[in-house]
Structure formats: C-alpha cells, structure tokens
Amino acid sequence: MSKTKERTLVILKPDAMHRGLLGEILSRFERKGITPVGMKMMKMSNLLLDKHYAQHKGKHFLPKLKEFMMKLPVVVIVFEGLEVVRVTRAMCGPTDGKNAPAGTIRGDFSMSTSSTIVHSSEDVKAAKREIAIFFKSGELFNYDRPDLDFYYAEDELN
C-alpha cells in the first residue's frame, strides 16, 4: 500500500468484554479490510485513565467513566489503513447507542451513552497521542495484508 496509511486506537471496553463481543467486533474491522498492527488485553489504572481522558479532567462524568473502565480488562488495538480514523469512527457509530444506526457497532450492541462498547480515536492527532499512551514502538508491527487488492482499487493502492 503506497498511499499514506493512518493508525488509530480502538478500545473494546468492559461492557464488550463482559458480553463476549471481542471476536464479533474484531472480525467487523478485519472484514472491512482494516489491519490490526498491535493488540493487548490490560487492566486500566487511574493513572492510565487520567492520561487517556486528560481532555475531560474536571468534568462531572469522569469519575463514573473511570470506575466503569476499571471494572474488567479491556482490549486495546491499533488499526492501520487508508483513512482508518474516519472509517473506524463511522463503523463505531455515534456515542449514544440508542441513536446509533443499525449496522454500526454501537447501533447493534449499545443502548447507552455511558456503556458504549468501544472507543475510537476522534482524529489523527488524538490517535497518535492515544497510541503512545498504550503502546511502545516495539509493540506495533508493519505489514501489508496480502489481500488488500480485494479491498481497494489499484489506483487507491498506488
């Protein structure tokens, strides 16, 4: 793939883990043609959540959100692809699951504005910041899927 690839961070939240949706959600991204280049399961800590949600410091909902995010382990994934930030956010759907369209992850699995199943970076700048919080450079891999020509037209790849 010679056009500029982007990377984005996705977090499968405690509600996704509790409900056994890890495989279903991961397979949606893979079937779309998005490449996972880093993945790990982890238990969130206060310090890690303070870094991740720094933009929400002092907001009324942050303590409950942090409590929720520490209930169970999460899976953090770095995906790579063309326009992957925009595509991943579209696949996740709007934050309010009740108003998310069917076919999106939240539209299919969430009825809440708090238990939203999944997090995805909002833009390329946020993705770079978030990826650095959860991954060291040696934990991310560079490779092209051998089937990319079945997901993209030739002129999109060159």
N, C-alpha and C. Protein backbone atom coordinates (compact mmCIF):
# COMPACT_ATOMS: atom_id res chain seq x y z
N MET A 1 0.86 -1.17 0.00
CA MET A 1 0.00 0.00 0.00
C MET A 1 0.91 1.22 0.00
N SER A 2 0.89 1.99 -1.03
CA SER A 2 1.82 3.11 -1.11
C SER A 2 1.21 4.44 -0.71
N LYS A 3 -0.11 4.59 -0.72
CA LYS A 3 -0.71 5.83 -0.22
C LYS A 3 -0.51 5.89 1.28
N THR A 4 -0.67 7.07 1.86
CA THR A 4 -0.40 7.25 3.27
C THR A 4 -1.39 6.48 4.14
N LYS A 5 -0.82 5.63 4.96
CA LYS A 5 -1.62 4.88 5.92
C LYS A 5 -1.75 5.71 7.18
N GLU A 6 -2.85 5.54 7.86
CA GLU A 6 -3.05 6.13 9.18
C GLU A 6 -3.14 4.99 10.18
N ARG A 7 -2.95 5.37 11.44
CA ARG A 7 -3.17 4.43 12.54
C ARG A 7 -4.17 5.06 13.49
N THR A 8 -4.96 4.21 14.13
CA THR A 8 -5.93 4.68 15.10
C THR A 8 -5.99 3.70 16.26
N LEU A 9 -6.47 4.18 17.39
CA LEU A 9 -6.63 3.33 18.57
C LEU A 9 -8.10 3.00 18.77
N VAL A 10 -8.35 1.74 19.06
CA VAL A 10 -9.68 1.28 19.42
C VAL A 10 -9.56 0.57 20.76
N ILE A 11 -10.49 0.85 21.65
CA ILE A 11 -10.54 0.15 22.94
C ILE A 11 -11.86 -0.59 23.01
N LEU A 12 -11.80 -1.89 23.22
CA LEU A 12 -13.01 -2.67 23.48
C LEU A 12 -13.21 -2.60 24.99
N LYS A 13 -14.26 -1.91 25.37
CA LYS A 13 -14.50 -1.54 26.76
C LYS A 13 -15.02 -2.71 27.60
N PRO A 14 -15.10 -2.53 28.93
CA PRO A 14 -15.55 -3.61 29.80
C PRO A 14 -16.90 -4.23 29.41
N ASP A 15 -17.84 -3.43 28.88
CA ASP A 15 -19.12 -4.00 28.50
C ASP A 15 -18.98 -4.93 27.30
N ALA A 16 -18.09 -4.62 26.39
CA ALA A 16 -17.83 -5.52 25.25
C ALA A 16 -17.22 -6.82 25.75
N MET A 17 -16.31 -6.72 26.70
CA MET A 17 -15.67 -7.92 27.25
C MET A 17 -16.67 -8.77 28.02
N HIS A 18 -17.48 -8.12 28.87
CA HIS A 18 -18.46 -8.83 29.68
C HIS A 18 -19.48 -9.57 28.79
N ARG A 19 -19.85 -8.95 27.70
CA ARG A 19 -20.88 -9.52 26.82
C ARG A 19 -20.31 -10.47 25.76
N GLY A 20 -19.01 -10.70 25.77
CA GLY A 20 -18.41 -11.65 24.84
C GLY A 20 -18.42 -11.17 23.39
N LEU A 21 -18.18 -9.87 23.18
CA LEU A 21 -18.25 -9.30 21.84
C LEU A 21 -16.89 -9.09 21.19
N LEU A 22 -15.81 -9.48 21.84
CA LEU A 22 -14.47 -9.26 21.32
C LEU A 22 -14.33 -9.79 19.89
N GLY A 23 -14.63 -11.05 19.68
CA GLY A 23 -14.47 -11.65 18.35
C GLY A 23 -15.35 -11.02 17.30
N GLU A 24 -16.59 -10.74 17.66
CA GLU A 24 -17.54 -10.12 16.73
C GLU A 24 -17.05 -8.75 16.28
N ILE A 25 -16.60 -7.95 17.22
CA ILE A 25 -16.16 -6.60 16.88
C ILE A 25 -14.85 -6.63 16.08
N LEU A 26 -13.89 -7.41 16.53
CA LEU A 26 -12.63 -7.53 15.80
C LEU A 26 -12.87 -8.02 14.37
N SER A 27 -13.75 -8.97 14.20
CA SER A 27 -14.00 -9.50 12.86
C SER A 27 -14.64 -8.46 11.94
N ARG A 28 -15.42 -7.56 12.48
CA ARG A 28 -16.00 -6.49 11.65
C ARG A 28 -14.90 -5.63 11.03
N PHE A 29 -13.91 -5.27 11.83
CA PHE A 29 -12.81 -4.46 11.31
C PHE A 29 -11.99 -5.25 10.29
N GLU A 30 -11.70 -6.50 10.60
CA GLU A 30 -10.92 -7.31 9.68
C GLU A 30 -11.66 -7.53 8.36
N ARG A 31 -12.96 -7.79 8.42
CA ARG A 31 -13.74 -8.00 7.19
C ARG A 31 -13.80 -6.73 6.36
N LYS A 32 -13.67 -5.57 6.99
CA LYS A 32 -13.67 -4.30 6.27
C LYS A 32 -12.35 -4.09 5.52
N GLY A 33 -11.30 -4.81 5.93
CA GLY A 33 -10.00 -4.66 5.31
C GLY A 33 -9.03 -3.82 6.11
N ILE A 34 -9.37 -3.57 7.35
CA ILE A 34 -8.52 -2.79 8.25
C ILE A 34 -7.53 -3.74 8.93
N THR A 35 -6.28 -3.34 9.00
CA THR A 35 -5.21 -4.21 9.50
C THR A 35 -4.90 -3.93 10.97
N PRO A 36 -5.02 -4.95 11.84
CA PRO A 36 -4.56 -4.77 13.21
C PRO A 36 -3.04 -4.85 13.25
N VAL A 37 -2.39 -3.85 13.83
CA VAL A 37 -0.92 -3.84 13.91
C VAL A 37 -0.40 -3.90 15.34
N GLY A 38 -1.30 -3.91 16.30
CA GLY A 38 -0.95 -4.05 17.71
C GLY A 38 -2.20 -4.32 18.52
N MET A 39 -2.08 -5.22 19.51
CA MET A 39 -3.25 -5.55 20.32
C MET A 39 -2.79 -6.13 21.65
N LYS A 40 -3.50 -5.73 22.73
CA LYS A 40 -3.24 -6.34 24.03
C LYS A 40 -4.44 -6.18 24.95
N MET A 41 -4.54 -7.12 25.88
CA MET A 41 -5.54 -7.05 26.94
C MET A 41 -4.86 -6.48 28.16
N MET A 42 -5.57 -5.58 28.83
CA MET A 42 -4.98 -4.95 30.00
C MET A 42 -6.04 -4.50 30.99
N LYS A 43 -5.62 -4.33 32.21
CA LYS A 43 -6.46 -3.76 33.26
C LYS A 43 -6.12 -2.28 33.33
N MET A 44 -7.10 -1.42 33.23
CA MET A 44 -6.88 0.02 33.28
C MET A 44 -6.58 0.45 34.72
N SER A 45 -5.74 1.47 34.86
CA SER A 45 -5.42 2.05 36.16
C SER A 45 -5.88 3.50 36.17
N ASN A 46 -5.96 4.09 37.35
CA ASN A 46 -6.30 5.51 37.47
C ASN A 46 -5.36 6.37 36.65
N LEU A 47 -4.05 6.10 36.77
CA LEU A 47 -3.04 6.90 36.07
C LEU A 47 -3.21 6.80 34.56
N LEU A 48 -3.40 5.60 34.06
CA LEU A 48 -3.60 5.40 32.61
C LEU A 48 -4.86 6.11 32.13
N LEU A 49 -5.93 6.01 32.89
CA LEU A 49 -7.19 6.66 32.51
C LEU A 49 -7.07 8.18 32.58
N ASP A 50 -6.32 8.69 33.56
CA ASP A 50 -6.09 10.14 33.62
C ASP A 50 -5.37 10.64 32.38
N LYS A 51 -4.40 9.87 31.89
CA LYS A 51 -3.69 10.24 30.66
C LYS A 51 -4.63 10.16 29.45
N HIS A 52 -5.35 9.06 29.37
CA HIS A 52 -6.22 8.84 28.21
C HIS A 52 -7.35 9.88 28.14
N TYR A 53 -7.96 10.18 29.27
CA TYR A 53 -9.09 11.10 29.32
C TYR A 53 -8.68 12.50 29.81
N ALA A 54 -7.44 12.91 29.55
CA ALA A 54 -6.94 14.20 30.01
C ALA A 54 -7.83 15.36 29.58
N GLN A 55 -8.42 15.28 28.41
CA GLN A 55 -9.27 16.36 27.90
C GLN A 55 -10.57 16.49 28.70
N HIS A 56 -10.90 15.48 29.50
CA HIS A 56 -12.13 15.50 30.29
C HIS A 56 -11.89 15.80 31.77
N LYS A 57 -10.66 16.18 32.11
CA LYS A 57 -10.31 16.44 33.51
C LYS A 57 -11.29 17.47 34.10
N GLY A 58 -11.84 17.14 35.27
CA GLY A 58 -12.74 18.05 35.96
C GLY A 58 -14.20 17.94 35.54
N LYS A 59 -14.50 17.17 34.51
CA LYS A 59 -15.89 17.04 34.05
C LYS A 59 -16.65 16.09 34.98
N HIS A 60 -17.93 16.35 35.15
CA HIS A 60 -18.74 15.61 36.13
C HIS A 60 -18.82 14.11 35.86
N PHE A 61 -18.72 13.69 34.63
CA PHE A 61 -18.90 12.27 34.30
C PHE A 61 -17.61 11.44 34.43
N LEU A 62 -16.47 12.10 34.56
CA LEU A 62 -15.19 11.38 34.53
C LEU A 62 -15.03 10.35 35.66
N PRO A 63 -15.36 10.64 36.91
CA PRO A 63 -15.19 9.61 37.95
C PRO A 63 -15.97 8.32 37.65
N LYS A 64 -17.21 8.44 37.21
CA LYS A 64 -18.01 7.24 36.89
C LYS A 64 -17.44 6.52 35.68
N LEU A 65 -16.97 7.27 34.68
CA LEU A 65 -16.37 6.67 33.49
C LEU A 65 -15.12 5.87 33.86
N LYS A 66 -14.28 6.46 34.70
CA LYS A 66 -13.07 5.76 35.13
C LYS A 66 -13.42 4.50 35.93
N GLU A 67 -14.41 4.60 36.80
CA GLU A 67 -14.85 3.44 37.58
C GLU A 67 -15.31 2.32 36.64
N PHE A 68 -16.10 2.69 35.64
CA PHE A 68 -16.58 1.72 34.65
C PHE A 68 -15.42 1.07 33.89
N MET A 69 -14.46 1.88 33.46
CA MET A 69 -13.34 1.37 32.66
C MET A 69 -12.41 0.45 33.46
N MET A 70 -12.51 0.48 34.79
CA MET A 70 -11.67 -0.39 35.62
C MET A 70 -12.40 -1.65 36.08
N LYS A 71 -13.66 -1.82 35.68
CA LYS A 71 -14.44 -2.98 36.12
C LYS A 71 -13.87 -4.30 35.63
N LEU A 72 -13.46 -4.34 34.40
CA LEU A 72 -12.94 -5.56 33.77
C LEU A 72 -11.76 -5.16 32.88
N PRO A 73 -10.97 -6.14 32.46
CA PRO A 73 -9.92 -5.82 31.49
C PRO A 73 -10.55 -5.29 30.19
N VAL A 74 -9.74 -4.57 29.44
CA VAL A 74 -10.14 -4.08 28.13
C VAL A 74 -9.15 -4.63 27.11
N VAL A 75 -9.50 -4.53 25.84
CA VAL A 75 -8.56 -4.87 24.77
C VAL A 75 -8.30 -3.59 24.00
N VAL A 76 -7.02 -3.23 23.89
CA VAL A 76 -6.62 -2.06 23.12
C VAL A 76 -6.00 -2.55 21.82
N ILE A 77 -6.42 -1.91 20.73
CA ILE A 77 -5.99 -2.35 19.40
C ILE A 77 -5.56 -1.13 18.60
N VAL A 78 -4.47 -1.26 17.87
CA VAL A 78 -4.08 -0.26 16.89
C VAL A 78 -4.39 -0.83 15.52
N PHE A 79 -5.21 -0.10 14.78
CA PHE A 79 -5.55 -0.48 13.41
C PHE A 79 -4.85 0.46 12.44
N GLU A 80 -4.57 -0.06 11.26
CA GLU A 80 -3.89 0.72 10.23
C GLU A 80 -4.63 0.56 8.91
N GLY A 81 -4.68 1.63 8.14
CA GLY A 81 -5.28 1.59 6.81
C GLY A 81 -5.46 2.98 6.25
N LEU A 82 -5.96 3.05 5.04
CA LEU A 82 -6.25 4.33 4.41
C LEU A 82 -7.46 4.96 5.09
N GLU A 83 -7.33 6.20 5.53
CA GLU A 83 -8.40 6.93 6.21
C GLU A 83 -9.00 6.12 7.37
N VAL A 84 -8.17 5.36 8.05
CA VAL A 84 -8.65 4.44 9.07
C VAL A 84 -9.32 5.13 10.26
N VAL A 85 -8.91 6.36 10.57
CA VAL A 85 -9.54 7.06 11.69
C VAL A 85 -11.00 7.33 11.37
N ARG A 86 -11.26 7.90 10.21
CA ARG A 86 -12.63 8.22 9.80
C ARG A 86 -13.47 6.95 9.63
N VAL A 87 -12.90 5.95 8.98
CA VAL A 87 -13.63 4.71 8.72
C VAL A 87 -13.98 3.99 10.03
N THR A 88 -13.02 3.94 10.94
CA THR A 88 -13.25 3.26 12.22
C THR A 88 -14.33 3.98 13.02
N ARG A 89 -14.28 5.30 13.06
CA ARG A 89 -15.31 6.05 13.79
C ARG A 89 -16.69 5.83 13.18
N ALA A 90 -16.76 5.78 11.87
CA ALA A 90 -18.05 5.52 11.21
C ALA A 90 -18.56 4.13 11.56
N MET A 91 -17.67 3.16 11.61
CA MET A 91 -18.07 1.80 11.96
C MET A 91 -18.55 1.71 13.40
N CYS A 92 -17.96 2.51 14.29
CA CYS A 92 -18.38 2.50 15.70
C CYS A 92 -19.74 3.16 15.88
N GLY A 93 -20.00 4.23 15.13
CA GLY A 93 -21.27 4.94 15.25
C GLY A 93 -21.22 6.00 16.33
N PRO A 94 -22.28 6.81 16.42
CA PRO A 94 -22.35 7.87 17.43
C PRO A 94 -22.30 7.31 18.85
N THR A 95 -21.85 8.14 19.79
CA THR A 95 -21.69 7.71 21.18
C THR A 95 -22.99 7.19 21.79
N ASP A 96 -24.10 7.83 21.52
CA ASP A 96 -25.38 7.41 22.10
C ASP A 96 -25.91 6.20 21.32
N GLY A 97 -25.77 5.04 21.94
CA GLY A 97 -26.17 3.80 21.28
C GLY A 97 -27.62 3.76 20.85
N LYS A 98 -28.50 4.45 21.58
CA LYS A 98 -29.92 4.46 21.22
C LYS A 98 -30.15 5.16 19.88
N ASN A 99 -29.26 6.09 19.54
CA ASN A 99 -29.40 6.84 18.30
C ASN A 99 -28.39 6.45 17.22
N ALA A 100 -27.60 5.44 17.49
CA ALA A 100 -26.61 4.98 16.51
C ALA A 100 -27.30 4.10 15.47
N PRO A 101 -26.98 4.28 14.21
CA PRO A 101 -27.63 3.50 13.16
C PRO A 101 -27.34 2.00 13.26
N ALA A 102 -28.33 1.21 12.91
CA ALA A 102 -28.14 -0.24 12.82
C ALA A 102 -26.99 -0.49 11.85
N GLY A 103 -26.20 -1.51 12.14
CA GLY A 103 -25.05 -1.82 11.31
C GLY A 103 -23.76 -1.27 11.88
N THR A 104 -23.86 -0.24 12.75
CA THR A 104 -22.67 0.23 13.46
C THR A 104 -22.50 -0.60 14.72
N ILE A 105 -21.31 -0.59 15.28
CA ILE A 105 -21.07 -1.38 16.49
C ILE A 105 -21.98 -0.92 17.62
N ARG A 106 -22.05 0.39 17.84
CA ARG A 106 -22.91 0.89 18.91
C ARG A 106 -24.38 0.73 18.56
N GLY A 107 -24.73 0.90 17.32
CA GLY A 107 -26.12 0.73 16.89
C GLY A 107 -26.61 -0.69 17.08
N ASP A 108 -25.71 -1.65 16.95
CA ASP A 108 -26.09 -3.05 17.10
C ASP A 108 -25.97 -3.56 18.54
N PHE A 109 -25.11 -2.93 19.36
CA PHE A 109 -24.83 -3.52 20.67
C PHE A 109 -25.01 -2.59 21.87
N SER A 110 -25.32 -1.30 21.67
CA SER A 110 -25.38 -0.38 22.80
C SER A 110 -26.73 0.34 22.87
N MET A 111 -27.19 0.57 24.10
CA MET A 111 -28.41 1.36 24.34
C MET A 111 -28.10 2.51 25.28
N SER A 112 -26.82 2.89 25.37
CA SER A 112 -26.38 3.80 26.42
C SER A 112 -25.47 4.89 25.86
N THR A 113 -25.34 5.97 26.65
CA THR A 113 -24.32 6.98 26.34
C THR A 113 -23.07 6.76 27.20
N SER A 114 -23.15 5.83 28.14
CA SER A 114 -22.01 5.51 29.01
C SER A 114 -21.39 4.16 28.67
N SER A 115 -22.22 3.15 28.57
CA SER A 115 -21.74 1.81 28.19
C SER A 115 -21.78 1.75 26.67
N THR A 116 -20.69 2.19 26.06
CA THR A 116 -20.69 2.40 24.61
C THR A 116 -19.92 1.33 23.84
N ILE A 117 -19.52 0.25 24.51
CA ILE A 117 -18.89 -0.91 23.89
C ILE A 117 -17.46 -0.65 23.42
N VAL A 118 -17.24 0.50 22.76
CA VAL A 118 -15.98 0.71 22.06
C VAL A 118 -15.58 2.18 22.10
N HIS A 119 -14.27 2.41 22.12
CA HIS A 119 -13.71 3.76 21.95
C HIS A 119 -12.92 3.75 20.65
N SER A 120 -12.99 4.85 19.89
CA SER A 120 -12.09 5.02 18.75
C SER A 120 -11.59 6.46 18.73
N SER A 121 -10.36 6.63 18.33
CA SER A 121 -9.74 7.96 18.30
C SER A 121 -10.54 8.90 17.42
N GLU A 122 -10.66 10.17 17.85
CA GLU A 122 -11.50 11.11 17.11
C GLU A 122 -10.84 11.72 15.89
N ASP A 123 -9.51 11.80 15.88
CA ASP A 123 -8.81 12.32 14.71
C ASP A 123 -7.37 11.80 14.73
N VAL A 124 -6.61 12.11 13.69
CA VAL A 124 -5.24 11.58 13.57
C VAL A 124 -4.37 12.05 14.73
N LYS A 125 -4.49 13.32 15.12
CA LYS A 125 -3.70 13.85 16.23
C LYS A 125 -4.01 13.10 17.53
N ALA A 126 -5.29 12.91 17.81
CA ALA A 126 -5.69 12.17 19.02
C ALA A 126 -5.21 10.72 18.95
N ALA A 127 -5.27 10.13 17.76
CA ALA A 127 -4.83 8.74 17.59
C ALA A 127 -3.35 8.60 17.96
N LYS A 128 -2.52 9.51 17.48
CA LYS A 128 -1.09 9.45 17.80
C LYS A 128 -0.86 9.57 19.29
N ARG A 129 -1.57 10.49 19.94
CA ARG A 129 -1.43 10.68 21.39
C ARG A 129 -1.88 9.43 22.14
N GLU A 130 -3.02 8.90 21.77
CA GLU A 130 -3.58 7.73 22.47
C GLU A 130 -2.74 6.48 22.25
N ILE A 131 -2.27 6.26 21.04
CA ILE A 131 -1.44 5.08 20.76
C ILE A 131 -0.20 5.12 21.63
N ALA A 132 0.41 6.30 21.78
CA ALA A 132 1.62 6.44 22.60
C ALA A 132 1.36 6.15 24.08
N ILE A 133 0.15 6.34 24.54
CA ILE A 133 -0.20 6.04 25.92
C ILE A 133 -0.20 4.53 26.17
N PHE A 134 -0.67 3.76 25.21
CA PHE A 134 -0.90 2.33 25.42
C PHE A 134 0.15 1.41 24.81
N PHE A 135 0.94 1.90 23.85
CA PHE A 135 1.87 1.03 23.14
C PHE A 135 3.26 1.64 23.05
N LYS A 136 4.27 0.80 23.22
CA LYS A 136 5.65 1.16 22.91
C LYS A 136 5.87 0.84 21.43
N SER A 137 6.83 1.50 20.81
CA SER A 137 7.03 1.30 19.36
C SER A 137 7.30 -0.16 19.01
N GLY A 138 8.00 -0.89 19.84
CA GLY A 138 8.29 -2.30 19.58
C GLY A 138 7.08 -3.21 19.66
N GLU A 139 5.95 -2.68 20.14
CA GLU A 139 4.74 -3.48 20.25
C GLU A 139 3.83 -3.34 19.03
N LEU A 140 4.24 -2.51 18.07
CA LEU A 140 3.46 -2.30 16.86
C LEU A 140 4.21 -2.90 15.68
N PHE A 141 3.48 -3.44 14.72
CA PHE A 141 4.09 -4.17 13.62
C PHE A 141 3.74 -3.50 12.29
N ASN A 142 4.64 -3.63 11.34
CA ASN A 142 4.42 -3.12 9.98
C ASN A 142 4.30 -4.31 9.03
N TYR A 143 3.16 -4.43 8.40
CA TYR A 143 2.98 -5.46 7.38
C TYR A 143 1.76 -5.09 6.55
N ASP A 144 1.71 -5.59 5.35
CA ASP A 144 0.54 -5.40 4.49
C ASP A 144 -0.20 -6.71 4.39
N ARG A 145 -1.49 -6.65 4.47
CA ARG A 145 -2.30 -7.84 4.25
C ARG A 145 -2.14 -8.25 2.79
N PRO A 146 -1.99 -9.53 2.50
CA PRO A 146 -1.80 -9.95 1.12
C PRO A 146 -3.06 -9.81 0.25
N ASP A 147 -4.19 -9.56 0.89
CA ASP A 147 -5.46 -9.50 0.15
C ASP A 147 -5.96 -8.07 -0.07
N LEU A 148 -5.10 -7.06 0.13
CA LEU A 148 -5.54 -5.67 0.03
C LEU A 148 -6.11 -5.31 -1.33
N ASP A 149 -5.64 -5.97 -2.39
CA ASP A 149 -6.17 -5.65 -3.72
C ASP A 149 -7.61 -6.11 -3.89
N PHE A 150 -8.13 -6.86 -2.91
CA PHE A 150 -9.54 -7.23 -2.93
C PHE A 150 -10.40 -6.25 -2.11
N TYR A 151 -9.74 -5.31 -1.43
CA TYR A 151 -10.44 -4.29 -0.64
C TYR A 151 -10.36 -2.91 -1.25
N TYR A 152 -9.30 -2.66 -2.04
CA TYR A 152 -9.06 -1.37 -2.64
C TYR A 152 -8.90 -1.52 -4.15
N ALA A 153 -9.26 -0.48 -4.89
CA ALA A 153 -8.97 -0.45 -6.32
C ALA A 153 -7.48 -0.20 -6.51
N GLU A 154 -6.92 -0.62 -7.65
CA GLU A 154 -5.49 -0.49 -7.90
C GLU A 154 -5.01 0.95 -7.75
N ASP A 155 -5.77 1.92 -8.23
CA ASP A 155 -5.34 3.32 -8.14
C ASP A 155 -5.36 3.85 -6.70
N GLU A 156 -6.10 3.21 -5.82
CA GLU A 156 -6.10 3.61 -4.41
C GLU A 156 -4.86 3.12 -3.68
N LEU A 157 -4.28 2.06 -4.19
CA LEU A 157 -3.11 1.49 -3.53
C LEU A 157 -1.79 2.05 -4.08
N ASN A 158 -1.81 2.64 -5.25
CA ASN A 158 -0.56 3.13 -5.88
C ASN A 158 -0.48 4.63 -5.88
